[in-house]
Amino acid sequence: MEPRIEILPAKKLIGKSLKMSLTKNKTFDLWKSFMPRRKEITNNITTDLISMQVYSHSFDFDPNTEFEKWATVEVSDFKNIPDGMSTFLLKGGLYAVFLHKGSSTDFSTFQYIFTTWLPNSDYHLDDRPHFEVLGEKYKNNDPDSEEEIWIPVKPMQ
């Protein structure tokens, strides 16, 4: 499973966020609060949803480490922000993009990325947000679901 390497331009996002860890996962609660209100965001660029993780320093494999998880959509500007939602400017940069096929509870693609691909690649993790693009083929816990996993990278020097 080889990724495509892509330079991402900066993106403007609007959505909701929660602090959590893998052991205290609140992803379901986050999306449950966001999805009924996503149509209040009127300046979407696409219909894709973006699930983003922001780590305080750098990515940490410790399941107890807290991070900020976002449920968002990409927007053209920050002129209309619904009450209770926040903005996030995702800095651009180099990303390795992997296609994950299968349920959102299947972590085999993530395991492959961090235990096989990354250690054997010409890249290091970069200290920027990680995110998944949940597009037309995303079906949540369905084994036929597809999503893109975007991992921030920088070339080894």
Protein backbone atom coordinates (compact mmCIF):
# COMPACT_ATOMS: atom_id res chain seq x y z
CA MET A 1 0.00 0.00 0.00
CA GLU A 2 1.93 2.98 -1.29
CA PRO A 3 0.67 6.48 -0.52
CA ARG A 4 0.57 9.39 -2.85
CA ILE A 5 2.70 12.29 -1.62
CA GLU A 6 0.89 15.59 -1.92
CA ILE A 7 1.53 19.23 -1.09
CA LEU A 8 -1.61 20.46 0.62
CA PRO A 9 -2.52 24.15 0.41
CA ALA A 10 -3.78 25.77 3.62
CA LYS A 11 -7.44 25.02 4.39
CA LYS A 12 -10.04 26.94 6.36
CA LEU A 13 -12.16 24.62 8.52
CA ILE A 14 -15.24 25.16 10.68
CA GLY A 15 -16.47 22.58 13.15
CA LYS A 16 -16.40 21.31 16.69
CA SER A 17 -13.62 19.85 18.80
CA LEU A 18 -13.13 17.80 21.96
CA LYS A 19 -10.08 16.84 24.01
CA MET A 20 -9.67 13.07 24.29
CA SER A 21 -7.22 10.19 24.34
CA LEU A 22 -7.42 6.78 22.70
CA THR A 23 -8.34 5.23 26.07
CA LYS A 24 -10.97 7.94 26.68
CA ASN A 25 -12.22 8.15 23.12
CA LYS A 26 -15.08 10.64 22.62
CA THR A 27 -15.18 10.51 18.80
CA PHE A 28 -18.79 9.26 18.75
CA ASP A 29 -19.91 12.13 21.04
CA LEU A 30 -18.07 14.69 18.91
CA TRP A 31 -19.64 13.59 15.62
CA LYS A 32 -23.06 13.12 17.27
CA SER A 33 -22.98 16.79 18.30
CA PHE A 34 -21.63 18.02 14.94
CA MET A 35 -23.62 16.11 12.30
CA PRO A 36 -27.11 17.48 13.07
CA ARG A 37 -25.72 21.03 12.82
CA ARG A 38 -23.32 20.77 9.87
CA LYS A 39 -25.88 22.29 7.48
CA GLU A 40 -25.68 25.53 9.50
CA ILE A 41 -22.27 26.00 7.86
CA THR A 42 -23.28 27.71 4.62
CA ASN A 43 -20.00 28.32 2.81
CA ASN A 44 -18.68 24.76 2.39
CA ILE A 45 -16.25 24.16 -0.46
CA THR A 46 -17.11 20.44 -0.75
CA THR A 47 -19.50 17.92 0.80
CA ASP A 48 -16.55 16.05 2.36
CA LEU A 49 -16.24 15.81 6.12
CA ILE A 50 -12.82 16.13 7.75
CA SER A 51 -11.92 14.29 10.94
CA MET A 52 -8.77 15.91 12.31
CA GLN A 53 -6.40 15.17 15.18
CA VAL A 54 -4.20 17.90 16.67
CA TYR A 55 -1.40 16.67 18.92
CA SER A 56 0.14 19.06 21.46
CA HIS A 57 3.78 18.48 20.51
CA SER A 58 4.28 15.55 18.20
CA PHE A 59 2.45 12.34 17.54
CA ASP A 60 2.61 10.04 20.58
CA PHE A 61 1.76 6.34 20.47
CA ASP A 62 0.77 6.35 24.17
CA PRO A 63 -2.99 5.59 24.27
CA ASN A 64 -3.38 7.84 27.35
CA THR A 65 -1.95 10.97 25.69
CA GLU A 66 -4.60 13.64 25.20
CA PHE A 67 -5.13 15.31 21.84
CA GLU A 68 -7.75 17.53 20.26
CA LYS A 69 -10.12 15.86 17.80
CA TRP A 70 -12.14 17.92 15.33
CA ALA A 71 -15.25 17.23 13.24
CA THR A 72 -15.13 19.80 10.42
CA VAL A 73 -15.90 20.88 6.90
CA GLU A 74 -13.74 23.01 4.61
CA VAL A 75 -15.06 26.53 3.99
CA SER A 76 -14.24 29.43 1.68
CA ASP A 77 -13.98 31.97 4.54
CA PHE A 78 -14.70 32.53 8.22
CA LYS A 79 -17.51 35.09 7.75
CA ASN A 80 -20.37 32.90 9.05
CA ILE A 81 -19.49 30.79 12.09
CA PRO A 82 -22.47 29.04 13.72
CA ASP A 83 -22.84 29.43 17.49
CA GLY A 84 -20.91 26.78 19.39
CA MET A 85 -18.55 26.07 16.49
CA SER A 86 -14.95 27.17 15.99
CA THR A 87 -12.56 27.90 13.16
CA PHE A 88 -9.27 26.19 12.40
CA LEU A 89 -6.67 27.24 9.83
CA LEU A 90 -4.96 24.04 8.70
CA LYS A 91 -1.46 25.00 7.56
CA GLY A 92 -0.43 23.56 4.25
CA GLY A 93 2.46 21.23 3.74
CA LEU A 94 3.61 17.82 2.62
CA TYR A 95 1.33 14.84 3.34
CA ALA A 96 1.39 11.12 2.68
CA VAL A 97 -2.15 10.15 1.62
CA PHE A 98 -3.35 6.58 2.13
CA LEU A 99 -6.64 5.04 0.99
CA HIS A 100 -8.30 3.09 3.80
CA LYS A 101 -10.93 0.56 2.76
CA GLY A 102 -13.01 -0.95 5.52
CA SER A 103 -14.75 -0.06 8.74
CA SER A 104 -13.72 3.03 10.67
CA THR A 105 -13.05 0.69 13.61
CA ASP A 106 -10.43 -1.24 11.59
CA PHE A 107 -7.04 0.26 12.49
CA SER A 108 -4.93 -1.97 10.20
CA THR A 109 -4.14 0.90 7.80
CA PHE A 110 -2.91 3.09 10.66
CA GLN A 111 -0.87 0.19 12.02
CA TYR A 112 0.71 -0.31 8.58
CA ILE A 113 1.48 3.42 8.21
CA PHE A 114 3.25 3.79 11.56
CA THR A 115 4.92 0.37 11.94
CA THR A 116 5.82 -0.50 8.33
CA TRP A 117 5.58 2.34 5.83
CA LEU A 118 6.92 5.30 7.84
CA PRO A 119 9.99 3.53 9.35
CA ASN A 120 10.94 2.27 5.86
CA SER A 121 10.18 5.48 3.95
CA ASP A 122 12.27 8.55 3.16
CA TYR A 123 10.05 10.64 5.48
CA HIS A 124 9.64 11.61 9.13
CA LEU A 125 6.40 12.68 10.77
CA ASP A 126 5.91 16.43 10.74
CA ASP A 127 4.38 18.27 13.70
CA ARG A 128 1.10 19.27 12.03
CA PRO A 129 -2.46 17.92 12.26
CA HIS A 130 -3.32 14.46 10.97
CA PHE A 131 -6.73 14.09 9.32
CA GLU A 132 -9.09 11.84 7.41
CA VAL A 133 -11.24 12.94 4.50
CA LEU A 134 -14.65 11.29 4.68
CA GLY A 135 -15.99 11.64 1.16
CA GLU A 136 -18.78 10.11 -0.92
CA LYS A 137 -17.56 6.52 -0.39
CA TYR A 138 -17.36 6.85 3.41
CA LYS A 139 -19.96 4.67 5.17
CA ASN A 140 -18.86 4.84 8.85
CA ASN A 141 -18.61 1.27 10.24
CA ASP A 142 -19.37 -0.45 6.93
CA PRO A 143 -16.68 -2.87 5.65
CA ASP A 144 -17.15 -1.35 2.14
CA SER A 145 -16.35 2.17 3.39
CA GLU A 146 -13.47 4.23 1.96
CA GLU A 147 -11.65 7.25 3.36
CA GLU A 148 -8.35 9.04 2.83
CA ILE A 149 -5.85 9.19 5.69
CA TRP A 150 -3.56 12.25 5.51
CA ILE A 151 -0.31 11.98 7.50
CA PRO A 152 1.96 15.08 7.77
CA VAL A 153 5.48 14.24 6.65
CA LYS A 154 8.80 15.90 5.91
CA PRO A 155 11.69 14.46 3.92
CA MET A 156 14.62 12.95 5.78
CA GLN A 157 17.71 15.09 5.52
